[in-house]
Protein backbone atom coordinates (compact mmCIF):
# COMPACT_ATOMS: atom_id res chain seq x y z
CA MET A 1 -0.09 -0.06 0.03
CA GLY A 2 2.67 2.45 0.97
CA ARG A 3 4.69 2.05 -2.13
CA GLN A 4 1.56 2.40 -4.50
CA ILE A 5 0.60 5.57 -2.70
CA LYS A 6 4.20 6.90 -3.17
CA GLU A 7 3.91 6.05 -6.80
CA LEU A 8 0.48 7.80 -7.03
CA LEU A 9 1.94 10.94 -5.42
CA TYR A 10 4.83 10.96 -8.09
CA PHE A 11 2.21 10.28 -10.76
CA PHE A 12 0.18 13.35 -9.63
CA GLY A 13 3.22 15.52 -9.36
CA SER A 14 4.58 14.50 -12.80
CA ASP A 15 1.16 14.90 -14.22
CA LEU A 16 0.65 18.43 -12.94
CA ARG A 17 4.15 19.56 -13.64
CA TYR A 18 3.40 21.20 -16.99
CA SER A 19 0.10 22.86 -15.91
CA LEU A 20 1.77 24.29 -12.73
CA THR A 21 4.63 25.53 -14.88
CA ILE A 22 2.11 27.28 -17.14
CA PHE A 23 0.03 28.63 -14.30
CA TRP A 24 2.94 30.22 -12.28
CA THR A 25 4.68 31.50 -15.55
CA ILE A 26 1.34 33.48 -16.35
CA LEU A 27 0.82 34.56 -12.81
CA LEU A 28 4.42 35.81 -12.34
CA SER A 29 4.28 37.47 -15.75
CA ILE A 30 1.26 39.50 -14.80
CA LEU A 31 2.79 40.24 -11.33
CA VAL A 32 6.03 41.50 -13.01
CA VAL A 33 4.18 43.66 -15.44
CA SER A 34 1.98 45.06 -12.51
CA LEU A 35 5.09 45.93 -10.52
CA ALA A 36 6.81 47.65 -13.42
CA PHE A 37 3.70 49.60 -13.92
CA THR A 38 3.57 50.54 -10.24
CA TYR A 39 7.22 51.64 -10.26
CA PHE A 40 6.54 53.75 -13.47
CA LEU A 41 3.58 55.51 -11.80
CA ALA A 42 5.78 56.11 -8.78
CA GLY A 43 8.30 58.16 -10.95
CA LEU A 44 5.42 60.57 -11.84
CA ASP A 45 4.55 63.62 -9.87
CA ASN A 46 0.93 63.05 -9.96
CA GLU A 47 -0.93 61.73 -7.21
CA VAL A 48 -1.35 57.82 -7.36
CA THR A 49 -4.19 55.87 -5.87
CA LEU A 50 -3.70 52.52 -4.35
CA PHE A 51 -2.61 49.63 -6.72
CA THR A 52 -3.85 46.22 -5.79
CA PHE A 53 -3.05 42.57 -6.91
CA SER A 54 -4.29 39.22 -5.92
CA LEU A 55 -2.01 36.18 -5.92
CA THR A 56 -4.27 33.88 -4.14
CA GLY A 57 -7.68 34.49 -6.20
CA PRO A 58 -6.19 32.76 -9.41
CA MET A 59 -4.82 29.97 -6.99
CA TYR A 60 -8.13 29.20 -5.63
CA VAL A 61 -9.60 29.08 -9.13
CA TYR A 62 -6.84 26.74 -10.29
CA CYS A 63 -7.28 24.40 -7.34
CA ALA A 64 -11.18 24.18 -7.99
CA ILE A 65 -10.63 23.45 -11.59
CA LEU A 66 -7.95 21.00 -10.70
CA GLY A 67 -10.18 19.05 -8.14
CA PHE A 68 -12.81 18.63 -10.73
CA LEU A 69 -10.51 17.48 -13.71
CA THR A 70 -8.56 15.08 -11.36
CA VAL A 71 -11.67 12.76 -11.54
CA LYS A 72 -11.97 12.87 -15.33
CA ASP A 73 -8.30 12.87 -16.26
CA SER A 74 -6.58 10.69 -13.58
CA VAL A 75 -8.90 8.44 -11.67
CA PRO A 76 -10.03 6.20 -14.57
CA PHE A 77 -6.50 5.84 -15.84
CA LEU A 78 -5.05 4.90 -12.26
CA ILE A 79 -7.84 2.28 -12.04
CA LYS A 80 -6.81 0.92 -15.40
CA MET A 81 -3.16 0.75 -14.08
CA SER A 82 -4.50 -1.46 -11.20
CA ALA A 83 -4.38 1.16 -8.51
CA THR A 84 -7.00 0.33 -5.71
CA ARG A 85 -9.77 2.71 -5.01
CA LYS A 86 -8.45 3.03 -1.45
CA ASN A 87 -5.05 4.01 -2.45
CA ILE A 88 -6.32 6.51 -4.98
CA PHE A 89 -8.37 8.06 -2.18
CA VAL A 90 -5.34 8.39 0.23
CA GLY A 91 -2.95 9.41 -2.65
CA SER A 92 -5.20 12.05 -4.04
CA GLY A 93 -6.03 13.46 -0.53
CA GLY A 94 -2.40 13.55 0.31
CA PHE A 95 -1.38 15.15 -2.79
CA PHE A 96 -4.22 17.91 -2.53
CA LEU A 97 -3.03 18.58 0.99
CA MET A 98 0.75 18.88 0.00
CA LEU A 99 -0.25 21.03 -2.99
CA SER A 100 -2.27 23.42 -0.90
CA LEU A 101 0.36 23.80 1.55
CA ALA A 102 3.17 24.26 -1.06
CA MET A 103 1.16 26.81 -3.04
CA ALA A 104 0.30 28.67 0.23
CA ILE A 105 4.01 28.75 1.24
CA ALA A 106 5.05 29.90 -2.17
CA ALA A 107 2.41 32.67 -2.33
CA ALA A 108 3.52 33.83 1.30
CA GLY A 109 7.10 33.97 0.35
CA LEU A 110 6.57 35.68 -2.83
CA GLN A 111 4.48 38.34 -1.18
CA GLU A 112 7.20 38.99 1.43
CA LEU A 113 9.67 39.17 -1.19
CA VAL A 114 7.75 41.59 -3.23
CA MET A 115 6.78 43.87 -0.36
CA ALA A 116 10.34 43.91 0.84
CA LEU A 117 11.34 45.19 -2.65
CA MET A 118 8.55 47.72 -2.55
CA ASN A 119 9.82 49.14 0.76
CA ALA A 120 13.35 49.16 -0.42
CA THR A 121 12.21 51.30 -3.49
CA GLY A 122 9.90 53.57 -1.50
CA VAL A 123 6.93 52.49 -3.33
CA ASP A 124 4.05 52.44 -0.68
CA PHE A 125 0.88 52.18 -2.82
CA PHE A 126 1.07 48.56 -3.99
CA LEU A 127 -1.19 46.12 -1.94
CA PHE A 128 -1.82 42.46 -2.23
CA LEU A 129 -5.44 41.57 -1.70
CA HIS A 130 -5.72 38.68 0.80
CA PRO A 131 -8.51 37.38 3.06
CA ALA A 132 -5.82 37.62 5.94
CA TYR A 133 -6.36 41.32 6.04
CA PHE A 134 -9.60 40.68 7.79
CA LEU A 135 -7.39 39.45 10.57
CA ASP A 136 -3.60 40.32 11.24
CA GLY A 137 -2.14 39.62 7.86
CA THR A 138 1.08 37.85 9.03
CA TRP A 139 2.79 35.24 6.79
CA TYR A 140 1.71 32.43 9.15
CA THR A 141 -2.08 33.56 8.96
CA ARG A 142 -1.86 33.77 5.22
CA ILE A 143 -0.45 30.33 4.91
CA VAL A 144 -3.09 28.80 7.15
CA ILE A 145 -5.83 30.50 5.26
CA ASP A 146 -4.66 29.60 1.85
CA THR A 147 -4.18 26.17 2.65
CA ALA A 148 -7.60 25.79 4.15
CA ILE A 149 -9.33 27.47 1.29
CA MET A 150 -7.43 25.58 -1.51
CA PHE A 151 -7.96 22.35 0.10
CA PHE A 152 -11.58 22.93 0.50
CA PHE A 153 -11.96 23.84 -3.17
CA LEU A 154 -9.99 20.80 -4.21
CA ALA A 155 -12.01 18.60 -1.97
CA ALA A 156 -15.40 20.09 -2.96
CA MET A 157 -14.80 20.04 -6.65
CA PHE A 158 -13.29 16.52 -6.44
CA MET A 159 -16.41 15.23 -5.06
CA ILE A 160 -18.58 17.13 -7.58
CA GLY A 161 -16.26 15.72 -10.28
CA LEU A 162 -17.22 12.16 -9.01
CA LEU A 163 -20.82 12.95 -9.09
CA PHE A 164 -20.74 14.00 -12.70
CA TYR A 165 -18.53 11.02 -13.63
CA LYS A 166 -20.65 8.37 -11.75
CA TYR A 167 -24.10 9.65 -12.59
CA GLY A 168 -23.63 11.79 -15.64
CA ILE A 169 -24.87 15.27 -16.41
CA ALA A 170 -28.26 14.41 -14.97
CA GLY A 171 -26.94 13.39 -11.62
CA GLY A 172 -24.31 16.09 -11.26
CA GLY A 173 -26.52 18.82 -12.58
CA SER A 174 -29.42 17.67 -10.20
CA PHE A 175 -27.01 18.04 -7.34
CA LEU A 176 -25.92 21.55 -8.44
CA GLY A 177 -29.45 22.63 -9.26
CA VAL A 178 -30.39 21.59 -5.62
CA LEU A 179 -27.68 23.70 -4.14
CA LEU A 180 -28.72 26.70 -6.41
CA LEU A 181 -32.32 26.30 -5.22
CA ILE A 182 -31.31 26.24 -1.65
CA SER A 183 -28.98 29.39 -2.16
CA LEU A 184 -31.97 31.30 -3.95
CA LEU A 185 -34.31 30.24 -1.13
CA GLY A 186 -31.78 31.43 1.36
CA ILE A 187 -31.31 34.83 -0.22
CA ALA A 188 -35.09 35.24 -0.73
CA GLN A 189 -35.69 34.33 2.95
CA GLY A 190 -32.79 36.33 4.19
CA TRP A 191 -31.19 33.75 6.29
CA LEU A 192 -28.22 33.22 3.79
CA ILE A 193 -27.44 36.92 3.65
CA ASP A 194 -27.58 36.94 7.53
CA PHE A 195 -25.26 34.00 7.58
CA VAL A 196 -22.68 35.44 5.30
CA VAL A 197 -22.70 38.84 7.16
CA ASP A 198 -22.27 36.88 10.44
CA VAL A 199 -19.35 35.11 9.10
CA PHE A 200 -17.43 38.02 7.68
CA THR A 201 -18.15 40.37 10.70
CA GLY A 202 -17.02 37.81 13.18
CA ILE A 203 -14.36 36.17 11.06
CA ASP A 204 -11.13 34.86 12.79
CA LEU A 205 -8.55 32.21 12.08
CA ILE A 206 -10.62 29.55 13.84
CA PHE A 207 -13.18 29.93 10.90
CA PHE A 208 -10.43 28.76 8.52
CA TYR A 209 -9.48 25.79 10.68
CA GLN A 210 -13.10 24.89 10.67
CA LEU A 211 -13.21 25.51 6.74
CA PHE A 212 -10.32 22.99 6.48
CA GLY A 213 -12.17 20.54 8.80
CA ILE A 214 -15.16 20.79 6.43
CA GLY A 215 -12.98 20.18 3.40
CA VAL A 216 -11.72 16.97 5.21
CA VAL A 217 -15.31 15.93 5.83
CA ILE A 218 -16.26 16.56 2.29
CA TYR A 219 -13.24 14.63 0.92
CA GLY A 220 -14.07 11.76 3.32
CA ILE A 221 -17.66 11.53 1.88
CA SER A 222 -16.24 11.35 -1.61
CA PHE A 223 -14.85 7.84 -0.90
CA LEU A 224 -18.59 6.65 -0.84
CA PHE A 225 -18.66 7.55 -4.50
CA LEU A 226 -15.20 6.50 -5.41
CA ARG A 227 -15.10 3.07 -3.95
CA ARG A 228 -17.44 1.77 -6.60
CA ILE A 229 -16.36 3.80 -9.42
CA THR A 230 -15.50 2.25 -12.77
CA THR A 231 -13.69 3.22 -15.93
CA VAL A 232 -16.92 3.66 -17.76
CA LYS A 233 -18.06 7.34 -17.58
CA VAL A 234 -21.88 7.86 -17.40
CA LYS A 235 -22.96 10.34 -20.11
């Protein structure tokens, strides 16, 4: 079991090497252009408003897409290669956790480096957008928050991907339709808006630990769909 899980982790890492390279190349290119534009504005005499940039927003979207596509692109292939469902479940979960943590650490380190560069050049109107600014905004807080959010998106979209793969568009679409209906009812009745307001007004680091726990629970539930999955995709 341990050897196969190591092989699965190597497979996931090798399989994502290209997409991760493309993702970070594009993200870093946009960041460099933004920094160059900010530095150019700093040399002007005109008053400059705050310039903002988000590293983590694209990372969250990438993880959500990855969680969904993992089912379609990797799970059937691994089953054909004689990997057990249990090992796929453990290997995928371990890789999701390591990927979330690695990307969170990379983003935190990059942000610290950029802000140090901005302070050294006297540019004080460049700001990274991040949920941590609802709290204290330290590097440790950013890592915890990013890891929790990315793992949650990976787990949630992995389970949704399993629903679409196992039950087809009808099954997956029905699940999303129910979620949409509940959301619309919540908005109409006001309790969903009140819940969101309460969450953001009383948000603390404990919330993100809870979010990570929810992600673990969702991922655990996904095994109910994964354990009997076949290589035949339902249309």
